[in-house]
Amino acid sequence: MTVSDTSSQLKAKLDLLSPELLKTISDFVDFLLQRQNAPSNLALPKPEQSTDTQATFEPRSALGKKLYAIRQQAVREGVTLATAEDIETEIAAQRRYHSFDEDLS
């Protein structure tokens, strides 16, 4: 199967999905692009969509709302937010630290 065939099949499937599922898929594609360090704003938004994710993002759960409020406050206070790479580096360091700690036991 060629890339063109795959693309055509994917477009046909996307046409069958609800707007909520299309948003979920768009978020997932942005995640995949971020993982390979590609820009996530390659696709042109539909005219009724905003390109500003901060203006359109609405947390659904109580925890999400609380965490988003904390994030907004941090941004207002000028806190530099960690990038995905920063977080991955920190997690790896913590895993190495805890692995070393277990080896000493």
N, C-alpha and C. Protein backbone atom coordinates (compact mmCIF):
# COMPACT_ATOMS: atom_id res chain seq x y z
N MET A 1 0.84 -1.18 0.00
CA MET A 1 0.00 0.00 0.00
C MET A 1 0.89 1.24 0.00
N THR A 2 0.57 2.17 -0.88
CA THR A 2 1.37 3.38 -0.99
C THR A 2 0.94 4.43 0.04
N VAL A 3 1.77 5.43 0.22
CA VAL A 3 1.45 6.51 1.14
C VAL A 3 0.17 7.22 0.68
N SER A 4 0.03 7.39 -0.63
CA SER A 4 -1.16 8.04 -1.18
C SER A 4 -2.43 7.24 -0.87
N ASP A 5 -2.35 5.91 -1.01
CA ASP A 5 -3.49 5.05 -0.70
C ASP A 5 -3.85 5.14 0.79
N THR A 6 -2.82 5.09 1.63
CA THR A 6 -3.04 5.17 3.07
C THR A 6 -3.66 6.51 3.44
N SER A 7 -3.16 7.57 2.83
CA SER A 7 -3.69 8.90 3.09
C SER A 7 -5.15 9.00 2.68
N SER A 8 -5.50 8.47 1.52
CA SER A 8 -6.88 8.50 1.05
C SER A 8 -7.81 7.71 1.96
N GLN A 9 -7.36 6.54 2.40
CA GLN A 9 -8.17 5.73 3.31
C GLN A 9 -8.36 6.43 4.65
N LEU A 10 -7.31 7.06 5.14
CA LEU A 10 -7.40 7.77 6.41
C LEU A 10 -8.36 8.95 6.30
N LYS A 11 -8.29 9.70 5.22
CA LYS A 11 -9.21 10.82 5.02
C LYS A 11 -10.66 10.35 4.98
N ALA A 12 -10.92 9.24 4.31
CA ALA A 12 -12.28 8.70 4.24
C ALA A 12 -12.79 8.30 5.62
N LYS A 13 -11.92 7.72 6.42
CA LYS A 13 -12.31 7.33 7.77
C LYS A 13 -12.56 8.54 8.66
N LEU A 14 -11.72 9.56 8.52
CA LEU A 14 -11.87 10.77 9.32
C LEU A 14 -13.20 11.46 9.03
N ASP A 15 -13.66 11.39 7.78
CA ASP A 15 -14.94 12.01 7.42
C ASP A 15 -16.12 11.38 8.16
N LEU A 16 -15.94 10.18 8.68
CA LEU A 16 -17.02 9.47 9.37
C LEU A 16 -17.07 9.76 10.86
N LEU A 17 -16.06 10.42 11.39
CA LEU A 17 -15.96 10.63 12.84
C LEU A 17 -16.66 11.91 13.30
N SER A 18 -17.04 11.90 14.57
CA SER A 18 -17.65 13.07 15.20
C SER A 18 -16.60 14.15 15.43
N PRO A 19 -17.05 15.41 15.61
CA PRO A 19 -16.08 16.49 15.89
C PRO A 19 -15.26 16.22 17.15
N GLU A 20 -15.85 15.60 18.16
CA GLU A 20 -15.10 15.31 19.39
C GLU A 20 -13.97 14.33 19.13
N LEU A 21 -14.26 13.29 18.35
CA LEU A 21 -13.21 12.32 18.04
C LEU A 21 -12.15 12.92 17.13
N LEU A 22 -12.55 13.79 16.22
CA LEU A 22 -11.57 14.47 15.36
C LEU A 22 -10.62 15.32 16.20
N LYS A 23 -11.14 15.99 17.23
CA LYS A 23 -10.29 16.78 18.13
C LYS A 23 -9.30 15.87 18.85
N THR A 24 -9.78 14.71 19.31
CA THR A 24 -8.91 13.76 19.99
C THR A 24 -7.79 13.29 19.06
N ILE A 25 -8.15 12.99 17.83
CA ILE A 25 -7.15 12.53 16.86
C ILE A 25 -6.16 13.65 16.56
N SER A 26 -6.64 14.87 16.44
CA SER A 26 -5.75 16.01 16.20
C SER A 26 -4.76 16.17 17.35
N ASP A 27 -5.25 16.04 18.58
CA ASP A 27 -4.37 16.12 19.75
C ASP A 27 -3.32 15.01 19.72
N PHE A 28 -3.74 13.80 19.32
CA PHE A 28 -2.82 12.67 19.27
C PHE A 28 -1.74 12.90 18.20
N VAL A 29 -2.15 13.43 17.05
CA VAL A 29 -1.19 13.72 15.98
C VAL A 29 -0.20 14.78 16.45
N ASP A 30 -0.69 15.81 17.17
CA ASP A 30 0.21 16.81 17.73
C ASP A 30 1.22 16.17 18.66
N PHE A 31 0.75 15.22 19.49
CA PHE A 31 1.63 14.49 20.40
C PHE A 31 2.71 13.74 19.62
N LEU A 32 2.30 13.03 18.56
CA LEU A 32 3.26 12.27 17.76
C LEU A 32 4.28 13.20 17.09
N LEU A 33 3.80 14.34 16.59
CA LEU A 33 4.72 15.29 15.98
C LEU A 33 5.70 15.85 17.00
N GLN A 34 5.22 16.09 18.21
CA GLN A 34 6.11 16.59 19.26
C GLN A 34 7.17 15.54 19.59
N ARG A 35 6.78 14.28 19.62
CA ARG A 35 7.73 13.21 19.93
C ARG A 35 8.85 13.14 18.89
N GLN A 36 8.54 13.47 17.64
CA GLN A 36 9.60 13.43 16.62
C GLN A 36 10.14 14.83 16.34
N ASN A 37 9.86 15.78 17.24
CA ASN A 37 10.38 17.14 17.17
C ASN A 37 10.00 17.86 15.88
N ALA A 38 8.76 17.64 15.42
CA ALA A 38 8.26 18.33 14.24
C ALA A 38 7.23 19.36 14.69
N PRO A 39 7.04 20.43 13.93
CA PRO A 39 6.03 21.41 14.31
C PRO A 39 4.64 20.80 14.24
N SER A 40 3.78 21.11 15.21
CA SER A 40 2.45 20.52 15.26
C SER A 40 1.41 21.38 14.58
N ASN A 41 1.79 22.53 14.04
CA ASN A 41 0.82 23.41 13.41
C ASN A 41 0.89 23.32 11.89
N LEU A 42 1.17 22.14 11.37
CA LEU A 42 1.29 21.97 9.93
C LEU A 42 -0.05 22.04 9.23
N ALA A 43 -1.09 21.47 9.84
CA ALA A 43 -2.40 21.44 9.21
C ALA A 43 -3.08 22.79 9.40
N LEU A 44 -3.75 23.24 8.35
CA LEU A 44 -4.49 24.49 8.46
C LEU A 44 -5.78 24.23 9.22
N PRO A 45 -6.11 25.06 10.20
CA PRO A 45 -7.34 24.87 10.95
C PRO A 45 -8.55 25.21 10.10
N LYS A 46 -9.70 24.63 10.43
CA LYS A 46 -10.94 25.00 9.78
C LYS A 46 -11.24 26.44 10.15
N PRO A 47 -11.96 27.16 9.33
CA PRO A 47 -12.19 28.57 9.61
C PRO A 47 -12.80 28.85 10.98
N GLU A 48 -13.66 27.97 11.46
CA GLU A 48 -14.29 28.23 12.76
C GLU A 48 -13.40 27.85 13.94
N GLN A 49 -12.26 27.23 13.67
CA GLN A 49 -11.37 26.83 14.74
C GLN A 49 -10.34 27.91 15.03
N SER A 50 -9.98 28.02 16.28
CA SER A 50 -8.93 28.95 16.68
C SER A 50 -7.60 28.22 16.65
N THR A 51 -6.54 28.94 16.29
CA THR A 51 -5.20 28.33 16.32
C THR A 51 -4.58 28.49 17.69
N ASP A 52 -5.21 29.26 18.58
CA ASP A 52 -4.69 29.51 19.91
C ASP A 52 -5.23 28.44 20.86
N THR A 53 -4.39 27.43 21.19
CA THR A 53 -4.86 26.34 22.05
C THR A 53 -5.17 26.83 23.45
N GLN A 54 -4.49 27.88 23.90
CA GLN A 54 -4.76 28.41 25.23
C GLN A 54 -6.18 28.95 25.31
N ALA A 55 -6.67 29.55 24.23
CA ALA A 55 -7.99 30.16 24.24
C ALA A 55 -9.09 29.11 24.14
N THR A 56 -8.80 27.94 23.55
CA THR A 56 -9.84 26.95 23.32
C THR A 56 -9.77 25.76 24.27
N PHE A 57 -8.71 25.61 25.01
CA PHE A 57 -8.56 24.46 25.89
C PHE A 57 -9.49 24.58 27.09
N GLU A 58 -10.25 23.52 27.34
CA GLU A 58 -11.12 23.48 28.51
C GLU A 58 -10.95 22.12 29.19
N PRO A 59 -10.39 22.09 30.39
CA PRO A 59 -10.26 20.82 31.09
C PRO A 59 -11.64 20.24 31.40
N ARG A 60 -11.74 18.92 31.39
CA ARG A 60 -13.04 18.28 31.61
C ARG A 60 -13.23 17.82 33.04
N SER A 61 -12.18 17.31 33.65
CA SER A 61 -12.31 16.75 35.00
C SER A 61 -11.99 17.81 36.05
N ALA A 62 -12.40 17.54 37.28
CA ALA A 62 -12.10 18.45 38.38
C ALA A 62 -10.59 18.58 38.57
N LEU A 63 -9.88 17.46 38.48
CA LEU A 63 -8.42 17.50 38.62
C LEU A 63 -7.81 18.31 37.48
N GLY A 64 -8.28 18.09 36.26
CA GLY A 64 -7.77 18.84 35.12
C GLY A 64 -7.99 20.33 35.29
N LYS A 65 -9.16 20.72 35.80
CA LYS A 65 -9.45 22.14 36.03
C LYS A 65 -8.51 22.72 37.08
N LYS A 66 -8.27 21.95 38.14
CA LYS A 66 -7.38 22.42 39.20
C LYS A 66 -5.95 22.58 38.68
N LEU A 67 -5.46 21.58 37.95
CA LEU A 67 -4.11 21.64 37.41
C LEU A 67 -3.95 22.76 36.39
N TYR A 68 -4.98 22.98 35.58
CA TYR A 68 -4.92 24.04 34.58
C TYR A 68 -4.90 25.42 35.26
N ALA A 69 -5.66 25.56 36.34
CA ALA A 69 -5.66 26.82 37.09
C ALA A 69 -4.27 27.09 37.68
N ILE A 70 -3.64 26.04 38.19
CA ILE A 70 -2.28 26.18 38.74
C ILE A 70 -1.32 26.59 37.62
N ARG A 71 -1.45 25.97 36.46
CA ARG A 71 -0.60 26.31 35.32
C ARG A 71 -0.79 27.76 34.92
N GLN A 72 -2.04 28.20 34.81
CA GLN A 72 -2.31 29.58 34.42
C GLN A 72 -1.71 30.57 35.42
N GLN A 73 -1.80 30.25 36.70
CA GLN A 73 -1.22 31.13 37.72
C GLN A 73 0.29 31.17 37.58
N ALA A 74 0.91 30.03 37.33
CA ALA A 74 2.36 29.98 37.16
C ALA A 74 2.79 30.83 35.96
N VAL A 75 2.05 30.74 34.86
CA VAL A 75 2.36 31.53 33.67
C VAL A 75 2.23 33.02 33.98
N ARG A 76 1.17 33.40 34.69
CA ARG A 76 0.98 34.81 35.06
C ARG A 76 2.14 35.31 35.91
N GLU A 77 2.70 34.44 36.75
CA GLU A 77 3.80 34.82 37.64
C GLU A 77 5.16 34.74 36.95
N GLY A 78 5.17 34.34 35.69
CA GLY A 78 6.42 34.32 34.94
C GLY A 78 7.25 33.07 35.12
N VAL A 79 6.67 32.01 35.66
CA VAL A 79 7.40 30.76 35.83
C VAL A 79 7.69 30.16 34.46
N THR A 80 8.90 29.71 34.25
CA THR A 80 9.26 29.04 33.00
C THR A 80 8.78 27.60 33.08
N LEU A 81 7.91 27.23 32.15
CA LEU A 81 7.35 25.87 32.15
C LEU A 81 8.34 24.89 31.53
N ALA A 82 8.34 23.69 32.05
CA ALA A 82 9.21 22.64 31.53
C ALA A 82 8.69 22.16 30.19
N THR A 83 9.61 21.84 29.29
CA THR A 83 9.25 21.24 28.01
C THR A 83 9.10 19.73 28.21
N ALA A 84 8.56 19.07 27.20
CA ALA A 84 8.45 17.61 27.27
C ALA A 84 9.83 16.99 27.43
N GLU A 85 10.83 17.55 26.76
CA GLU A 85 12.20 17.04 26.86
C GLU A 85 12.73 17.22 28.29
N ASP A 86 12.44 18.36 28.90
CA ASP A 86 12.88 18.60 30.29
C ASP A 86 12.29 17.54 31.22
N ILE A 87 11.02 17.26 31.02
CA ILE A 87 10.33 16.30 31.88
C ILE A 87 10.90 14.90 31.68
N GLU A 88 11.12 14.52 30.41
CA GLU A 88 11.70 13.20 30.13
C GLU A 88 13.08 13.06 30.75
N THR A 89 13.88 14.12 30.70
CA THR A 89 15.22 14.10 31.30
C THR A 89 15.13 13.94 32.81
N GLU A 90 14.19 14.66 33.43
CA GLU A 90 14.01 14.56 34.88
C GLU A 90 13.55 13.17 35.29
N ILE A 91 12.63 12.60 34.55
CA ILE A 91 12.15 11.24 34.85
C ILE A 91 13.30 10.24 34.75
N ALA A 92 14.10 10.36 33.68
CA ALA A 92 15.24 9.44 33.51
C ALA A 92 16.21 9.58 34.67
N ALA A 93 16.47 10.81 35.11
CA ALA A 93 17.39 11.02 36.23
C ALA A 93 16.84 10.40 37.51
N GLN A 94 15.54 10.56 37.74
CA GLN A 94 14.92 9.98 38.93
C GLN A 94 14.99 8.45 38.88
N ARG A 95 14.77 7.88 37.71
CA ARG A 95 14.83 6.42 37.57
C ARG A 95 16.25 5.91 37.85
N ARG A 96 17.26 6.64 37.34
CA ARG A 96 18.64 6.24 37.61
C ARG A 96 18.94 6.34 39.10
N TYR A 97 18.47 7.41 39.74
CA TYR A 97 18.71 7.61 41.17
C TYR A 97 18.07 6.48 41.98
N HIS A 98 16.80 6.16 41.68
CA HIS A 98 16.12 5.12 42.44
C HIS A 98 16.69 3.74 42.14
N SER A 99 17.16 3.54 40.92
CA SER A 99 17.80 2.26 40.57
C SER A 99 19.10 2.11 41.36
N PHE A 100 19.87 3.18 41.48
CA PHE A 100 21.12 3.16 42.23
C PHE A 100 20.82 2.92 43.72
N ASP A 101 19.77 3.56 44.23
CA ASP A 101 19.39 3.42 45.62
C ASP A 101 19.00 1.98 45.95
N GLU A 102 18.30 1.31 45.02
CA GLU A 102 17.91 -0.09 45.22
C GLU A 102 19.10 -1.02 45.17
N ASP A 103 20.11 -0.67 44.35
CA ASP A 103 21.31 -1.50 44.25
C ASP A 103 22.09 -1.49 45.57
N LEU A 104 21.98 -0.44 46.36
CA LEU A 104 22.70 -0.35 47.60
C LEU A 104 22.04 -1.16 48.71
N SER A 105 20.78 -1.51 48.53
CA SER A 105 20.05 -2.26 49.58
C SER A 105 20.47 -3.69 49.65
